[in-house]
Amino acid sequence: MALALLAALAVGADRVAAWVTERSVATAVVLGGTGVSGAHVDIHGFPFLTQLAAGRIDHVTGRLDAGTFGGHTVSDVHLDARGVQSRAPWNVEDARVDGIVTFDTLASLLSEQLGYDVRVARAPEEPDALSLTLTAWGLDLGVVAAPAVVDDTAVAVQVRSLVLGGLTVDASAIPGGLGSRLAALRIPLRLPDGVALRAVFVEPGGLRLVAQAHDVALSQLAR
C-alpha cells in the first residue's frame, strides 16, 4: 500500500510539473503573437521530471485556433517540436509548424500589390489552385493561380489562366502593367532565422503553410 501510494504521488508530481511547463510554453506562444486564442500545449513522454532535470524535453506538440504572427492572421495552427529546452526562451532543436492564412488576408496582400480590390477563394474546378477576381476597366478579370514555395521564404502565385470580360487572354495582353504584376505575384513571409517555408496547400479556408524550424527559440518561432 505504501509503495503504491508513493508511486501514485510520484506520478502525480510528474504530471503537475508537466502541466506547469505546458502552461509556460503556451504562454510563450501567446506572447509571440496578437489576438491569440485557443492555445494548447502537450508534453509527451514519461517520466517528465527526468527530462526537466536534463534541461531538454523530448517531444512537445501544440495547437491554437487563431492568432496574428508576423503581421499575418493564421488559424488552425499545429506545432510538433523535438528537443525543446526546458526553460525560457524554450529553444527548439527541430520543429514543424503549419497553419492556415485566410483568404481575406490573402486578398488584402494581393490587393496591395496589384492596386485593385481582389477577392480570393479556392478555384472551384481546380482545388489545388486559387481563384482571384477583380474588376479592371469596367470588365471582370478572373485568374486561376497555383501557389508555390520560392526561396523558402515566400509564396509565389503562378497564373494558370486569365479570363477578361469572358474571353481567355494571355497576361501580356492585359494593359496598364497589370499583366506583368499578375505574372510576378509573390507573398513574402517575415520568417525568423532558422525557419524555412517547406510547402503550401490550398484548403477550404485559405492557404495552409508548412514550415520547418531548426535551432530557434519558441518565442521567435511564434513571431
Protein backbone atom coordinates (compact mmCIF):
# COMPACT_ATOMS: atom_id res chain seq x y z
CA MET A 1 0.00 0.00 0.00
CA ALA A 2 2.76 2.44 0.95
CA LEU A 3 4.69 1.69 -2.22
CA ALA A 4 1.55 2.13 -4.31
CA LEU A 5 0.85 5.45 -2.61
CA LEU A 6 4.40 6.65 -3.19
CA ALA A 7 4.18 5.62 -6.84
CA ALA A 8 0.90 7.47 -7.22
CA LEU A 9 2.39 10.57 -5.62
CA ALA A 10 5.41 10.37 -7.90
CA VAL A 11 3.21 10.11 -10.98
CA GLY A 12 1.07 12.98 -9.71
CA ALA A 13 4.10 15.18 -9.12
CA ASP A 14 5.42 14.33 -12.56
CA ARG A 15 2.13 15.28 -14.23
CA VAL A 16 1.87 18.50 -12.23
CA ALA A 17 5.36 19.51 -13.35
CA ALA A 18 4.44 18.69 -16.95
CA TRP A 19 1.22 20.71 -16.65
CA VAL A 20 3.05 23.75 -15.28
CA THR A 21 5.58 23.56 -18.11
CA GLU A 22 2.82 23.15 -20.70
CA ARG A 23 1.24 26.35 -19.41
CA SER A 24 4.58 28.16 -19.63
CA VAL A 25 5.17 27.01 -23.20
CA ALA A 26 1.64 28.02 -24.19
CA THR A 27 2.26 31.45 -22.68
CA ALA A 28 5.41 31.83 -24.79
CA VAL A 29 3.37 31.09 -27.92
CA VAL A 30 0.62 33.51 -26.94
CA LEU A 31 3.10 36.30 -26.23
CA GLY A 32 4.66 35.78 -29.66
CA GLY A 33 1.51 36.96 -31.43
CA THR A 34 -1.56 39.13 -31.02
CA GLY A 35 -5.18 38.10 -30.70
CA VAL A 36 -4.12 34.52 -29.99
CA SER A 37 -6.95 32.18 -28.99
CA GLY A 38 -7.25 28.51 -28.16
CA ALA A 39 -3.57 27.87 -27.41
CA HIS A 40 -2.95 24.37 -26.03
CA VAL A 41 0.34 22.53 -25.46
CA ASP A 42 1.01 18.85 -24.69
CA ILE A 43 4.27 17.42 -23.39
CA HIS A 44 4.81 13.78 -24.31
CA GLY A 45 6.83 11.11 -22.59
CA PHE A 46 7.06 9.80 -19.04
CA PRO A 47 8.66 10.45 -16.67
CA PHE A 48 8.74 14.18 -17.32
CA LEU A 49 10.78 15.15 -14.27
CA THR A 50 13.86 13.38 -15.65
CA GLN A 51 13.52 15.39 -18.86
CA LEU A 52 13.14 18.56 -16.81
CA ALA A 53 16.27 17.72 -14.82
CA ALA A 54 18.19 17.10 -18.04
CA GLY A 55 17.11 20.50 -19.36
CA ARG A 56 15.60 19.02 -22.53
CA ILE A 57 12.01 18.00 -23.33
CA ASP A 58 11.92 15.25 -25.93
CA HIS A 59 8.60 15.95 -27.65
CA VAL A 60 6.14 18.84 -27.47
CA THR A 61 3.02 19.35 -29.57
CA GLY A 62 0.74 22.33 -29.61
CA ARG A 63 -2.15 23.92 -31.40
CA LEU A 64 -4.03 27.19 -31.43
CA ASP A 65 -7.27 28.27 -33.01
CA ALA A 66 -6.16 31.64 -34.36
CA GLY A 67 -3.70 34.49 -33.96
CA THR A 68 -1.68 37.11 -35.79
CA PHE A 69 2.03 36.39 -36.27
CA GLY A 70 4.47 38.39 -38.37
CA GLY A 71 1.61 40.61 -39.48
CA HIS A 72 -0.41 37.71 -40.89
CA THR A 73 -3.61 36.26 -39.44
CA VAL A 74 -3.44 32.47 -39.25
CA SER A 75 -5.80 29.80 -37.96
CA ASP A 76 -5.79 26.08 -37.15
CA VAL A 77 -2.09 26.16 -36.23
CA HIS A 78 -0.21 22.99 -35.27
CA LEU A 79 3.27 22.63 -33.76
CA ASP A 80 5.35 19.46 -33.45
CA ALA A 81 8.68 20.15 -31.73
CA ARG A 82 11.56 17.88 -30.74
CA GLY A 83 14.36 18.66 -28.34
CA VAL A 84 12.86 21.65 -26.52
CA GLN A 85 14.84 23.47 -23.86
CA SER A 86 13.01 23.08 -20.54
CA ARG A 87 13.07 26.79 -19.68
CA ALA A 88 12.64 30.15 -21.40
CA PRO A 89 13.37 31.06 -24.15
CA TRP A 90 12.43 27.43 -24.96
CA ASN A 91 14.99 26.79 -27.70
CA VAL A 92 13.82 24.12 -30.14
CA GLU A 93 16.15 21.74 -31.95
CA ASP A 94 13.66 20.83 -34.67
CA ALA A 95 10.01 21.67 -35.24
CA ARG A 96 7.29 21.51 -37.84
CA VAL A 97 4.66 24.24 -37.85
CA ASP A 98 1.62 24.56 -40.09
CA GLY A 99 -1.30 26.96 -40.19
CA ILE A 100 -3.88 28.50 -42.50
CA VAL A 101 -3.57 32.03 -43.86
CA THR A 102 -7.15 33.06 -44.53
CA PHE A 103 -8.48 34.08 -47.93
CA ASP A 104 -9.29 37.52 -46.51
CA THR A 105 -5.65 38.01 -45.52
CA LEU A 106 -4.51 36.86 -48.96
CA ALA A 107 -6.97 39.23 -50.62
CA SER A 108 -5.58 42.15 -48.62
CA LEU A 109 -1.98 41.29 -49.52
CA LEU A 110 -2.72 40.80 -53.22
CA SER A 111 -4.89 43.91 -53.45
CA GLU A 112 -1.98 45.96 -52.13
CA GLN A 113 0.38 44.51 -54.74
CA LEU A 114 -1.97 44.84 -57.71
CA GLY A 115 -3.64 48.14 -56.85
CA TYR A 116 -7.11 46.62 -57.34
CA ASP A 117 -9.70 45.22 -54.97
CA VAL A 118 -9.03 41.47 -55.23
CA ARG A 119 -11.31 38.70 -53.99
CA VAL A 120 -9.73 35.33 -53.27
CA ALA A 121 -11.30 31.87 -53.00
CA ARG A 122 -10.50 28.27 -53.78
CA ALA A 123 -10.78 27.60 -57.51
CA PRO A 124 -13.99 25.54 -57.88
CA GLU A 125 -12.70 23.33 -60.71
CA GLU A 126 -9.05 23.21 -59.61
CA PRO A 127 -8.99 22.56 -55.86
CA ASP A 128 -5.20 22.90 -55.70
CA ALA A 129 -5.40 26.47 -57.06
CA LEU A 130 -6.71 29.89 -56.10
CA SER A 131 -9.41 31.90 -57.82
CA LEU A 132 -8.69 35.65 -57.94
CA THR A 133 -11.35 38.03 -59.18
CA LEU A 134 -11.20 41.78 -59.70
CA THR A 135 -12.70 44.49 -61.89
CA ALA A 136 -10.46 46.43 -64.30
CA TRP A 137 -11.56 48.94 -66.95
CA GLY A 138 -15.16 48.02 -66.21
CA LEU A 139 -14.53 44.36 -67.03
CA ASP A 140 -14.41 41.34 -64.74
CA LEU A 141 -11.00 39.68 -64.63
CA GLY A 142 -10.81 36.12 -63.36
CA VAL A 143 -7.49 34.49 -62.56
CA VAL A 144 -6.75 30.89 -61.67
CA ALA A 145 -3.36 30.65 -60.00
CA ALA A 146 -1.39 27.96 -58.18
CA PRO A 147 0.61 28.77 -55.04
CA ALA A 148 4.20 27.53 -54.77
CA VAL A 149 7.09 27.95 -52.34
CA VAL A 150 10.01 30.10 -53.53
CA ASP A 151 13.31 30.73 -51.73
CA ASP A 152 11.97 29.09 -48.53
CA THR A 153 10.58 32.50 -47.51
CA ALA A 154 7.73 33.40 -49.87
CA VAL A 155 4.70 32.07 -51.72
CA ALA A 156 4.60 32.67 -55.47
CA VAL A 157 1.18 32.84 -57.11
CA GLN A 158 1.68 31.27 -60.54
CA VAL A 159 -1.01 32.17 -63.08
CA ARG A 160 -2.62 29.25 -64.90
CA SER A 161 -5.38 31.07 -66.77
CA LEU A 162 -6.82 34.56 -67.25
CA VAL A 163 -10.35 35.42 -68.33
CA LEU A 164 -11.07 39.08 -69.09
CA GLY A 165 -14.63 40.05 -69.95
CA GLY A 166 -15.48 36.41 -70.66
CA LEU A 167 -12.51 35.87 -73.00
CA THR A 168 -9.40 33.83 -72.24
CA VAL A 169 -6.34 36.05 -72.64
CA ASP A 170 -2.60 35.96 -72.12
CA ALA A 171 -1.03 38.02 -69.34
CA SER A 172 0.96 40.01 -71.90
CA ALA A 173 -2.32 41.18 -73.49
CA ILE A 174 -3.55 42.89 -70.31
CA PRO A 175 -2.71 46.61 -70.47
CA GLY A 176 -1.57 49.05 -67.83
CA GLY A 177 1.14 46.80 -66.43
CA LEU A 178 -1.45 44.64 -64.67
CA GLY A 179 -0.48 41.56 -66.66
CA SER A 180 3.18 41.83 -65.63
CA ARG A 181 2.19 42.38 -61.99
CA LEU A 182 -0.02 39.29 -62.12
CA ALA A 183 2.86 37.28 -63.55
CA ALA A 184 5.16 38.38 -60.72
CA LEU A 185 2.80 37.94 -57.76
CA ARG A 186 4.60 36.89 -54.61
CA ILE A 187 3.60 36.85 -50.95
CA PRO A 188 6.69 37.41 -48.76
CA LEU A 189 6.69 36.00 -45.24
CA ARG A 190 8.65 37.51 -42.38
CA LEU A 191 10.20 34.31 -41.05
CA PRO A 192 12.82 34.35 -38.27
CA ASP A 193 16.29 32.91 -38.79
CA GLY A 194 16.22 29.14 -38.66
CA VAL A 195 12.70 28.84 -40.09
CA ALA A 196 12.07 27.84 -43.71
CA LEU A 197 8.82 27.51 -45.64
CA ARG A 198 8.53 23.97 -46.99
CA ALA A 199 5.08 23.54 -48.54
CA VAL A 200 1.80 25.28 -49.26
CA PHE A 201 -1.63 23.75 -49.86
CA VAL A 202 -4.99 25.25 -50.81
CA GLU A 203 -7.72 24.34 -48.32
CA PRO A 204 -11.36 25.45 -47.99
CA GLY A 205 -10.42 28.18 -45.51
CA GLY A 206 -7.26 29.51 -47.13
CA LEU A 207 -3.63 28.56 -47.72
CA ARG A 208 -2.04 26.08 -45.34
CA LEU A 209 1.62 26.94 -44.93
CA VAL A 210 4.07 24.33 -43.66
CA ALA A 211 7.38 25.48 -42.17
CA GLN A 212 10.37 23.68 -40.70
CA ALA A 213 12.40 25.19 -37.87
CA HIS A 214 15.86 24.30 -36.61
CA ASP A 215 17.66 25.66 -33.55
CA VAL A 216 15.26 28.52 -32.87
CA ALA A 217 13.61 29.91 -29.73
CA LEU A 218 9.92 29.10 -29.41
CA SER A 219 9.13 32.78 -28.82
CA GLN A 220 10.83 33.60 -32.14
CA LEU A 221 9.08 30.71 -33.87
CA ALA A 222 5.75 32.22 -32.84
CA ARG A 223 6.64 35.59 -34.35
